[in-house]
């Protein structure tokens, strides 16, 4: 869910995740459970930012609002930043999902034809069951080679994925997501929103990211108006390294410096 870090009369920083109305994960409410949807996520982020500006007026400076997101939410930060009115002052997008087609191609290469057909069958079945009012079809969020999972990861990456999780899951979180997510994510390309961004944006990418290809960041920079988008590359880092250790410390330092400069904090 969104977390607001507020500094009186200075800055409102919205840390983007998945809000309770649309996540249906862990301790959040809502049915059906474990429904991930970029469209629903972005709508909730916009509502949260609009609410904060109105309801916290006088307590924080709503004219200096930054959007921050990581991985899938890194893409959300770009999309929400382009749609929010008035625009935010800054956007930080960390190891972001930028292109649905690129993600689909990478997924097909990892799964092979057989695995891709299994995933597509599960996604269509989940969509059909939802239309008929039947219970959802779930797949793993993350799994190893050969697993029916949204992210099919090598053993080292899978270990890194779970290493960033808490010892106890809030609300009984489970490693599963509605299979229809595979249909929506392939059409979701946040980099198409970059030309509409009117504020400075920082993309922090991991050099060895196999989940969200870092090479796409250059295309995002090229499409930005007035070259307002900059990129910092975490050398030798993978997608999940950004949450702990040296890559985390480097990302935090770079992002903090960027926000301090843009927001005058």
C-alpha atoms as a PDB file:
ATOM      1  CA  UNK A   1       0.000   0.000   0.000  1.00  0.00           C
ATOM      2  CA  UNK A   2       1.215   3.582  -0.528  1.00  0.00           C
ATOM      3  CA  UNK A   3       3.338   4.979   2.316  1.00  0.00           C
ATOM      4  CA  UNK A   4       3.666   8.725   2.731  1.00  0.00           C
ATOM      5  CA  UNK A   5       6.881  10.054   4.231  1.00  0.00           C
ATOM      6  CA  UNK A   6       6.101  13.669   5.076  1.00  0.00           C
ATOM      7  CA  UNK A   7       8.389  16.443   6.206  1.00  0.00           C
ATOM      8  CA  UNK A   8       6.403  19.471   7.492  1.00  0.00           C
ATOM      9  CA  UNK A   9       6.274  22.334   4.996  1.00  0.00           C
ATOM     10  CA  UNK A  10       8.844  20.659   2.795  1.00  0.00           C
ATOM     11  CA  UNK A  11       8.055  17.553   0.771  1.00  0.00           C
ATOM     12  CA  UNK A  12       5.556  14.783   0.321  1.00  0.00           C
ATOM     13  CA  UNK A  13       7.194  11.616  -0.929  1.00  0.00           C
ATOM     14  CA  UNK A  14       4.853   8.912  -2.157  1.00  0.00           C
ATOM     15  CA  UNK A  15       6.393   5.459  -2.025  1.00  0.00           C
ATOM     16  CA  UNK A  16       4.463   3.425  -4.543  1.00  0.00           C
ATOM     17  CA  UNK A  17       3.467  -0.150  -4.042  1.00  0.00           C
ATOM     18  CA  UNK A  18      -0.007  -1.612  -4.248  1.00  0.00           C
ATOM     19  CA  UNK A  19      -2.821  -0.046  -2.294  1.00  0.00           C
ATOM     20  CA  UNK A  20      -5.306  -2.041  -0.224  1.00  0.00           C
ATOM     21  CA  UNK A  21      -8.260  -1.492  -2.556  1.00  0.00           C
ATOM     22  CA  UNK A  22      -6.612  -3.106  -5.564  1.00  0.00           C
ATOM     23  CA  UNK A  23      -3.894  -5.408  -4.295  1.00  0.00           C
ATOM     24  CA  UNK A  24      -5.895  -8.096  -2.478  1.00  0.00           C
ATOM     25  CA  UNK A  25      -2.541  -9.508  -1.305  1.00  0.00           C
ATOM     26  CA  UNK A  26      -1.461 -10.407   2.224  1.00  0.00           C
ATOM     27  CA  UNK A  27      -3.173  -8.289   4.861  1.00  0.00           C
ATOM     28  CA  UNK A  28      -5.000  -6.109   2.319  1.00  0.00           C
ATOM     29  CA  UNK A  29      -8.723  -6.551   1.787  1.00  0.00           C
ATOM     30  CA  UNK A  30     -10.656  -7.273  -1.401  1.00  0.00           C
ATOM     31  CA  UNK A  31     -11.781 -10.172  -3.548  1.00  0.00           C
ATOM     32  CA  UNK A  32     -10.814 -12.092  -5.556  1.00  0.00           C
ATOM     33  CA  UNK A  33      -7.471 -12.531  -3.865  1.00  0.00           C
ATOM     34  CA  UNK A  34      -4.024 -11.906  -5.389  1.00  0.00           C
ATOM     35  CA  UNK A  35      -5.241  -9.834  -8.330  1.00  0.00           C
ATOM     36  CA  UNK A  36      -2.416  -7.775  -9.848  1.00  0.00           C
ATOM     37  CA  UNK A  37      -3.500  -5.223 -12.457  1.00  0.00           C
ATOM     38  CA  UNK A  38      -1.380  -2.262 -13.668  1.00  0.00           C
ATOM     39  CA  UNK A  39      -4.459  -0.269 -14.678  1.00  0.00           C
ATOM     40  CA  UNK A  40      -6.022  -0.636 -11.240  1.00  0.00           C
ATOM     41  CA  UNK A  41      -2.704   0.084  -9.507  1.00  0.00           C
ATOM     42  CA  UNK A  42      -2.094   3.355 -11.384  1.00  0.00           C
ATOM     43  CA  UNK A  43      -5.660   4.545 -10.762  1.00  0.00           C
ATOM     44  CA  UNK A  44      -5.166   3.981  -7.031  1.00  0.00           C
ATOM     45  CA  UNK A  45      -1.816   5.793  -7.029  1.00  0.00           C
ATOM     46  CA  UNK A  46      -3.375   8.829  -8.710  1.00  0.00           C
ATOM     47  CA  UNK A  47      -6.220   8.789  -6.186  1.00  0.00           C
ATOM     48  CA  UNK A  48      -3.750   8.546  -3.283  1.00  0.00           C
ATOM     49  CA  UNK A  49      -1.640  11.459  -4.542  1.00  0.00           C
ATOM     50  CA  UNK A  50      -4.718  13.611  -5.172  1.00  0.00           C
ATOM     51  CA  UNK A  51      -6.067  12.812  -1.710  1.00  0.00           C
ATOM     52  CA  UNK A  52      -2.750  13.630  -0.044  1.00  0.00           C
ATOM     53  CA  UNK A  53      -2.499  17.004  -1.727  1.00  0.00           C
ATOM     54  CA  UNK A  54      -6.018  17.921  -0.643  1.00  0.00           C
ATOM     55  CA  UNK A  55      -6.204  16.387   2.824  1.00  0.00           C
ATOM     56  CA  UNK A  56      -2.648  17.185   3.968  1.00  0.00           C
ATOM     57  CA  UNK A  57      -2.715  20.751   2.705  1.00  0.00           C
ATOM     58  CA  UNK A  58      -1.059  23.011   5.242  1.00  0.00           C
ATOM     59  CA  UNK A  59       0.865  20.114   6.780  1.00  0.00           C
ATOM     60  CA  UNK A  60       3.140  19.383   3.836  1.00  0.00           C
ATOM     61  CA  UNK A  61       4.086  21.208   0.661  1.00  0.00           C
ATOM     62  CA  UNK A  62       1.982  19.487  -1.989  1.00  0.00           C
ATOM     63  CA  UNK A  63       3.739  21.445  -4.726  1.00  0.00           C
ATOM     64  CA  UNK A  64       6.843  19.369  -4.056  1.00  0.00           C
ATOM     65  CA  UNK A  65       5.641  15.824  -4.522  1.00  0.00           C
ATOM     66  CA  UNK A  66       7.832  13.001  -5.804  1.00  0.00           C
ATOM     67  CA  UNK A  67       6.716   9.603  -7.049  1.00  0.00           C
ATOM     68  CA  UNK A  68       8.979   6.611  -6.357  1.00  0.00           C
ATOM     69  CA  UNK A  69       8.511   3.059  -7.559  1.00  0.00           C
ATOM     70  CA  UNK A  70      10.485  -0.151  -7.973  1.00  0.00           C
ATOM     71  CA  UNK A  71      10.129  -2.984 -10.518  1.00  0.00           C
ATOM     72  CA  UNK A  72       6.484  -3.076 -11.674  1.00  0.00           C
ATOM     73  CA  UNK A  73       5.792   0.018  -9.559  1.00  0.00           C
ATOM     74  CA  UNK A  74       8.800   1.654 -11.224  1.00  0.00           C
ATOM     75  CA  UNK A  75       6.728   1.616 -14.386  1.00  0.00           C
ATOM     76  CA  UNK A  76       3.687   2.811 -12.440  1.00  0.00           C
ATOM     77  CA  UNK A  77       5.655   5.862 -11.231  1.00  0.00           C
ATOM     78  CA  UNK A  78       6.313   6.913 -14.836  1.00  0.00           C
ATOM     79  CA  UNK A  79       2.710   6.393 -15.940  1.00  0.00           C
ATOM     80  CA  UNK A  80       1.259   8.147 -12.887  1.00  0.00           C
ATOM     81  CA  UNK A  81       3.799  10.957 -13.241  1.00  0.00           C
ATOM     82  CA  UNK A  82       2.639  11.587 -16.805  1.00  0.00           C
ATOM     83  CA  UNK A  83      -1.047  11.532 -15.834  1.00  0.00           C
ATOM     84  CA  UNK A  84      -1.073  13.353 -12.494  1.00  0.00           C
ATOM     85  CA  UNK A  85      -2.457  16.901 -12.556  1.00  0.00           C
ATOM     86  CA  UNK A  86      -0.809  19.099 -11.538  1.00  0.00           C
ATOM     87  CA  UNK A  87       2.347  17.139 -12.378  1.00  0.00           C
ATOM     88  CA  UNK A  88       4.700  15.881  -9.657  1.00  0.00           C
ATOM     89  CA  UNK A  89       8.025  17.608  -9.078  1.00  0.00           C
ATOM     90  CA  UNK A  90      10.076  14.461  -9.651  1.00  0.00           C
ATOM     91  CA  UNK A  91       9.859  10.763 -10.457  1.00  0.00           C
ATOM     92  CA  UNK A  92      12.253   8.015  -9.390  1.00  0.00           C
ATOM     93  CA  UNK A  93      11.861   4.737 -11.262  1.00  0.00           C
ATOM     94  CA  UNK A  94      13.993   1.875  -9.924  1.00  0.00           C
ATOM     95  CA  UNK A  95      14.721  -1.296 -11.960  1.00  0.00           C
ATOM     96  CA  UNK A  96      11.476  -0.493 -13.805  1.00  0.00           C
ATOM     97  CA  UNK A  97       9.225  -2.540 -16.016  1.00  0.00           C
ATOM     98  CA  UNK A  98       9.248  -0.425 -19.205  1.00  0.00           C
ATOM     99  CA  UNK A  99       7.969  -2.555 -22.089  1.00  0.00           C
ATOM    100  CA  UNK A 100       5.285  -5.221 -22.174  1.00  0.00           C
ATOM    101  CA  UNK A 101       6.409  -6.698 -25.527  1.00  0.00           C
ATOM    102  CA  UNK A 102      10.029  -6.867 -24.311  1.00  0.00           C
ATOM    103  CA  UNK A 103       8.909  -8.620 -21.129  1.00  0.00           C
ATOM    104  CA  UNK A 104       6.830 -11.046 -23.182  1.00  0.00           C
ATOM    105  CA  UNK A 105       9.759 -11.885 -25.458  1.00  0.00           C
ATOM    106  CA  UNK A 106      12.050 -12.447 -22.489  1.00  0.00           C
ATOM    107  CA  UNK A 107       9.420 -14.659 -20.866  1.00  0.00           C
ATOM    108  CA  UNK A 108       8.978 -16.744 -24.001  1.00  0.00           C
ATOM    109  CA  UNK A 109      12.735 -17.208 -24.306  1.00  0.00           C
ATOM    110  CA  UNK A 110      12.949 -18.388 -20.696  1.00  0.00           C
ATOM    111  CA  UNK A 111       9.903 -20.692 -20.803  1.00  0.00           C
ATOM    112  CA  UNK A 112      10.159 -22.069 -24.315  1.00  0.00           C
ATOM    113  CA  UNK A 113       7.135 -22.807 -26.478  1.00  0.00           C
ATOM    114  CA  UNK A 114       5.663 -25.416 -24.155  1.00  0.00           C
ATOM    115  CA  UNK A 115       5.917 -23.257 -21.047  1.00  0.00           C
ATOM    116  CA  UNK A 116       4.533 -20.230 -22.889  1.00  0.00           C
ATOM    117  CA  UNK A 117       1.495 -22.213 -24.048  1.00  0.00           C
ATOM    118  CA  UNK A 118       0.893 -23.443 -20.484  1.00  0.00           C
ATOM    119  CA  UNK A 119       0.987 -19.885 -19.188  1.00  0.00           C
ATOM    120  CA  UNK A 120      -1.311 -18.627 -21.948  1.00  0.00           C
ATOM    121  CA  UNK A 121      -3.788 -21.427 -21.292  1.00  0.00           C
ATOM    122  CA  UNK A 122      -3.889 -20.614 -17.564  1.00  0.00           C
ATOM    123  CA  UNK A 123      -4.354 -16.890 -18.265  1.00  0.00           C
ATOM    124  CA  UNK A 124      -7.233 -17.420 -20.700  1.00  0.00           C
ATOM    125  CA  UNK A 125      -8.843 -19.947 -18.380  1.00  0.00           C
ATOM    126  CA  UNK A 126      -8.659 -17.478 -15.475  1.00  0.00           C
ATOM    127  CA  UNK A 127     -10.231 -14.747 -17.601  1.00  0.00           C
ATOM    128  CA  UNK A 128     -13.020 -17.064 -18.776  1.00  0.00           C
ATOM    129  CA  UNK A 129     -13.731 -18.326 -15.260  1.00  0.00           C
ATOM    130  CA  UNK A 130     -13.914 -14.753 -14.011  1.00  0.00           C
ATOM    131  CA  UNK A 131     -16.485 -13.839 -16.659  1.00  0.00           C
ATOM    132  CA  UNK A 132     -18.603 -16.811 -15.604  1.00  0.00           C
ATOM    133  CA  UNK A 133     -18.310 -16.038 -11.894  1.00  0.00           C
ATOM    134  CA  UNK A 134     -16.123 -19.045 -11.071  1.00  0.00           C
ATOM    135  CA  UNK A 135     -13.077 -18.970  -8.728  1.00  0.00           C
ATOM    136  CA  UNK A 136      -9.803 -17.685 -10.254  1.00  0.00           C
ATOM    137  CA  UNK A 137      -6.908 -19.681 -11.645  1.00  0.00           C
ATOM    138  CA  UNK A 138      -3.642 -18.863  -9.866  1.00  0.00           C
ATOM    139  CA  UNK A 139      -0.014 -19.217 -10.898  1.00  0.00           C
ATOM    140  CA  UNK A 140       3.154 -18.584  -8.888  1.00  0.00           C
ATOM    141  CA  UNK A 141       4.505 -15.041  -8.783  1.00  0.00           C
ATOM    142  CA  UNK A 142       8.047 -16.432  -8.865  1.00  0.00           C
ATOM    143  CA  UNK A 143       9.257 -19.939  -9.572  1.00  0.00           C
ATOM    144  CA  UNK A 144      12.189 -21.917 -10.871  1.00  0.00           C
ATOM    145  CA  UNK A 145      12.822 -23.309 -14.369  1.00  0.00           C
ATOM    146  CA  UNK A 146       9.865 -25.388 -15.517  1.00  0.00           C
ATOM    147  CA  UNK A 147       7.446 -23.916 -12.942  1.00  0.00           C
ATOM    148  CA  UNK A 148       4.182 -22.339 -14.042  1.00  0.00           C
ATOM    149  CA  UNK A 149       5.097 -18.871 -12.748  1.00  0.00           C
ATOM    150  CA  UNK A 150       4.875 -15.263 -13.836  1.00  0.00           C
ATOM    151  CA  UNK A 151       8.615 -14.849 -13.189  1.00  0.00           C
ATOM    152  CA  UNK A 152      10.560 -17.974 -14.085  1.00  0.00           C
ATOM    153  CA  UNK A 153      13.918 -17.410 -12.399  1.00  0.00           C
ATOM    154  CA  UNK A 154      17.251 -19.145 -12.167  1.00  0.00           C
ATOM    155  CA  UNK A 155      18.048 -20.629  -8.748  1.00  0.00           C
ATOM    156  CA  UNK A 156      20.252 -17.698  -7.690  1.00  0.00           C
ATOM    157  CA  UNK A 157      17.633 -15.109  -8.688  1.00  0.00           C
ATOM    158  CA  UNK A 158      14.833 -17.051  -7.015  1.00  0.00           C
ATOM    159  CA  UNK A 159      16.838 -17.120  -3.810  1.00  0.00           C
ATOM    160  CA  UNK A 160      17.434 -13.352  -4.072  1.00  0.00           C
ATOM    161  CA  UNK A 161      13.703 -12.786  -4.622  1.00  0.00           C
ATOM    162  CA  UNK A 162      12.750 -14.543  -1.396  1.00  0.00           C
ATOM    163  CA  UNK A 163      15.704 -13.087   0.525  1.00  0.00           C
ATOM    164  CA  UNK A 164      14.058  -9.648   0.496  1.00  0.00           C
ATOM    165  CA  UNK A 165      10.846 -11.008   2.039  1.00  0.00           C
ATOM    166  CA  UNK A 166      10.012 -10.679   5.746  1.00  0.00           C
ATOM    167  CA  UNK A 167      10.317 -13.674   8.059  1.00  0.00           C
ATOM    168  CA  UNK A 168       6.535 -13.597   8.621  1.00  0.00           C
ATOM    169  CA  UNK A 169       4.105 -12.688   5.870  1.00  0.00           C
ATOM    170  CA  UNK A 170       1.436 -10.138   6.781  1.00  0.00           C
ATOM    171  CA  UNK A 171      -2.031 -11.579   6.388  1.00  0.00           C
ATOM    172  CA  UNK A 172      -0.723 -14.908   5.164  1.00  0.00           C
ATOM    173  CA  UNK A 173       0.746 -13.718   1.858  1.00  0.00           C
ATOM    174  CA  UNK A 174       1.137 -16.508  -0.688  1.00  0.00           C
ATOM    175  CA  UNK A 175       3.381 -16.815  -3.731  1.00  0.00           C
ATOM    176  CA  UNK A 176       0.561 -16.637  -6.246  1.00  0.00           C
ATOM    177  CA  UNK A 177      -1.152 -14.217  -8.602  1.00  0.00           C
ATOM    178  CA  UNK A 178      -4.202 -14.396 -10.852  1.00  0.00           C
ATOM    179  CA  UNK A 179      -3.101 -15.946 -14.132  1.00  0.00           C
ATOM    180  CA  UNK A 180      -4.809 -13.218 -16.197  1.00  0.00           C
ATOM    181  CA  UNK A 181      -1.949 -10.923 -15.154  1.00  0.00           C
ATOM    182  CA  UNK A 182       0.102 -12.563 -17.925  1.00  0.00           C
ATOM    183  CA  UNK A 183      -2.332 -11.145 -20.512  1.00  0.00           C
ATOM    184  CA  UNK A 184      -2.313  -7.598 -19.154  1.00  0.00           C
ATOM    185  CA  UNK A 185       1.405  -7.206 -18.525  1.00  0.00           C
ATOM    186  CA  UNK A 186       2.256  -7.907 -22.168  1.00  0.00           C
ATOM    187  CA  UNK A 187       0.264  -4.831 -23.201  1.00  0.00           C
ATOM    188  CA  UNK A 188       1.599  -2.573 -20.455  1.00  0.00           C
ATOM    189  CA  UNK A 189       4.483  -0.365 -21.623  1.00  0.00           C
ATOM    190  CA  UNK A 190       5.182   2.522 -19.215  1.00  0.00           C
ATOM    191  CA  UNK A 191       7.959   3.887 -21.446  1.00  0.00           C
ATOM    192  CA  UNK A 192       5.219   5.103 -23.812  1.00  0.00           C
ATOM    193  CA  UNK A 193       4.250   7.607 -21.081  1.00  0.00           C
ATOM    194  CA  UNK A 194       7.729   9.149 -20.893  1.00  0.00           C
ATOM    195  CA  UNK A 195       7.118  11.729 -23.684  1.00  0.00           C
ATOM    196  CA  UNK A 196       4.264  13.125 -21.565  1.00  0.00           C
ATOM    197  CA  UNK A 197       6.455  13.586 -18.471  1.00  0.00           C
ATOM    198  CA  UNK A 198       7.050  17.249 -17.691  1.00  0.00           C
ATOM    199  CA  UNK A 199       9.183  16.805 -14.557  1.00  0.00           C
ATOM    200  CA  UNK A 200      12.730  15.502 -14.002  1.00  0.00           C
ATOM    201  CA  UNK A 201      12.880  11.721 -13.749  1.00  0.00           C
ATOM    202  CA  UNK A 202      15.624   9.342 -12.669  1.00  0.00           C
ATOM    203  CA  UNK A 203      15.820   5.745 -13.870  1.00  0.00           C
ATOM    204  CA  UNK A 204      18.011   3.471 -11.755  1.00  0.00           C
ATOM    205  CA  UNK A 205      18.699   0.252 -13.654  1.00  0.00           C
ATOM    206  CA  UNK A 206      20.680  -2.891 -12.854  1.00  0.00           C
ATOM    207  CA  UNK A 207      23.328  -3.866 -15.397  1.00  0.00           C
ATOM    208  CA  UNK A 208      22.577  -7.611 -15.210  1.00  0.00           C
ATOM    209  CA  UNK A 209      18.794  -7.347 -14.830  1.00  0.00           C
ATOM    210  CA  UNK A 210      17.151 -10.352 -16.525  1.00  0.00           C
ATOM    211  CA  UNK A 211      13.619  -9.381 -15.402  1.00  0.00           C
ATOM    212  CA  UNK A 212      13.481  -5.751 -16.613  1.00  0.00           C
ATOM    213  CA  UNK A 213      16.080  -5.236 -19.391  1.00  0.00           C
ATOM    214  CA  UNK A 214      18.239  -2.154 -18.631  1.00  0.00           C
ATOM    215  CA  UNK A 215      18.875  -1.475 -22.331  1.00  0.00           C
ATOM    216  CA  UNK A 216      15.374  -0.005 -22.657  1.00  0.00           C
ATOM    217  CA  UNK A 217      16.331   2.914 -20.412  1.00  0.00           C
ATOM    218  CA  UNK A 218      18.235   4.532 -23.290  1.00  0.00           C
ATOM    219  CA  UNK A 219      15.062   4.554 -25.392  1.00  0.00           C
ATOM    220  CA  UNK A 220      13.177   6.184 -22.535  1.00  0.00           C
ATOM    221  CA  UNK A 221      15.806   8.932 -22.275  1.00  0.00           C
ATOM    222  CA  UNK A 222      15.694   9.553 -26.021  1.00  0.00           C
ATOM    223  CA  UNK A 223      11.914   9.975 -25.965  1.00  0.00           C
ATOM    224  CA  UNK A 224      11.834  12.369 -22.994  1.00  0.00           C
ATOM    225  CA  UNK A 225      10.936  16.010 -23.634  1.00  0.00           C
ATOM    226  CA  UNK A 226      13.933  18.243 -23.146  1.00  0.00           C
ATOM    227  CA  UNK A 227      15.969  15.194 -22.100  1.00  0.00           C
ATOM    228  CA  UNK A 228      14.535  15.503 -18.584  1.00  0.00           C
ATOM    229  CA  UNK A 229      15.089  11.776 -17.897  1.00  0.00           C
ATOM    230  CA  UNK A 230      18.467  10.607 -16.616  1.00  0.00           C
ATOM    231  CA  UNK A 231      19.773   7.080 -15.993  1.00  0.00           C
ATOM    232  CA  UNK A 232      22.047   5.608 -13.365  1.00  0.00           C
ATOM    233  CA  UNK A 233      23.320   2.056 -13.907  1.00  0.00           C
ATOM    234  CA  UNK A 234      24.169  -0.221 -10.988  1.00  0.00           C
ATOM    235  CA  UNK A 235      27.211  -2.072 -12.323  1.00  0.00           C
ATOM    236  CA  UNK A 236      27.209  -5.848 -11.905  1.00  0.00           C
ATOM    237  CA  UNK A 237      23.809  -5.859 -10.180  1.00  0.00           C
ATOM    238  CA  UNK A 238      20.794  -8.043 -10.916  1.00  0.00           C
ATOM    239  CA  UNK A 239      17.126  -7.161 -10.550  1.00  0.00           C
ATOM    240  CA  UNK A 240      16.806  -8.217  -6.899  1.00  0.00           C
ATOM    241  CA  UNK A 241      20.214  -6.931  -5.751  1.00  0.00           C
ATOM    242  CA  UNK A 242      18.777  -3.434  -5.437  1.00  0.00           C
ATOM    243  CA  UNK A 243      16.952  -4.351  -2.216  1.00  0.00           C
ATOM    244  CA  UNK A 244      19.974  -5.154  -0.059  1.00  0.00           C
ATOM    245  CA  UNK A 245      23.749  -4.854   0.124  1.00  0.00           C
ATOM    246  CA  UNK A 246      26.053  -2.597  -1.947  1.00  0.00           C
ATOM    247  CA  UNK A 247      23.575  -2.106  -4.817  1.00  0.00           C
ATOM    248  CA  UNK A 248      20.908  -0.970  -2.346  1.00  0.00           C
ATOM    249  CA  UNK A 249      23.290   1.498  -0.687  1.00  0.00           C
ATOM    250  CA  UNK A 250      24.340   2.918  -4.062  1.00  0.00           C
ATOM    251  CA  UNK A 251      20.735   3.236  -5.268  1.00  0.00           C
ATOM    252  CA  UNK A 252      19.624   4.982  -2.081  1.00  0.00           C
ATOM    253  CA  UNK A 253      22.508   7.464  -2.264  1.00  0.00           C
ATOM    254  CA  UNK A 254      21.898   8.300  -5.933  1.00  0.00           C
ATOM    255  CA  UNK A 255      18.135   8.599  -5.512  1.00  0.00           C
ATOM    256  CA  UNK A 256      18.498  10.701  -2.366  1.00  0.00           C
ATOM    257  CA  UNK A 257      20.889  13.105  -4.079  1.00  0.00           C
ATOM    258  CA  UNK A 258      18.541  13.413  -7.056  1.00  0.00           C
ATOM    259  CA  UNK A 259      15.512  14.203  -4.885  1.00  0.00           C
ATOM    260  CA  UNK A 260      17.445  16.685  -2.750  1.00  0.00           C
ATOM    261  CA  UNK A 261      18.628  18.511  -5.867  1.00  0.00           C
ATOM    262  CA  UNK A 262      15.269  18.611  -7.649  1.00  0.00           C
ATOM    263  CA  UNK A 263      13.157  19.377  -4.586  1.00  0.00           C
ATOM    264  CA  UNK A 264      15.601  21.700  -2.889  1.00  0.00           C
ATOM    265  CA  UNK A 265      15.492  19.615   0.279  1.00  0.00           C
END
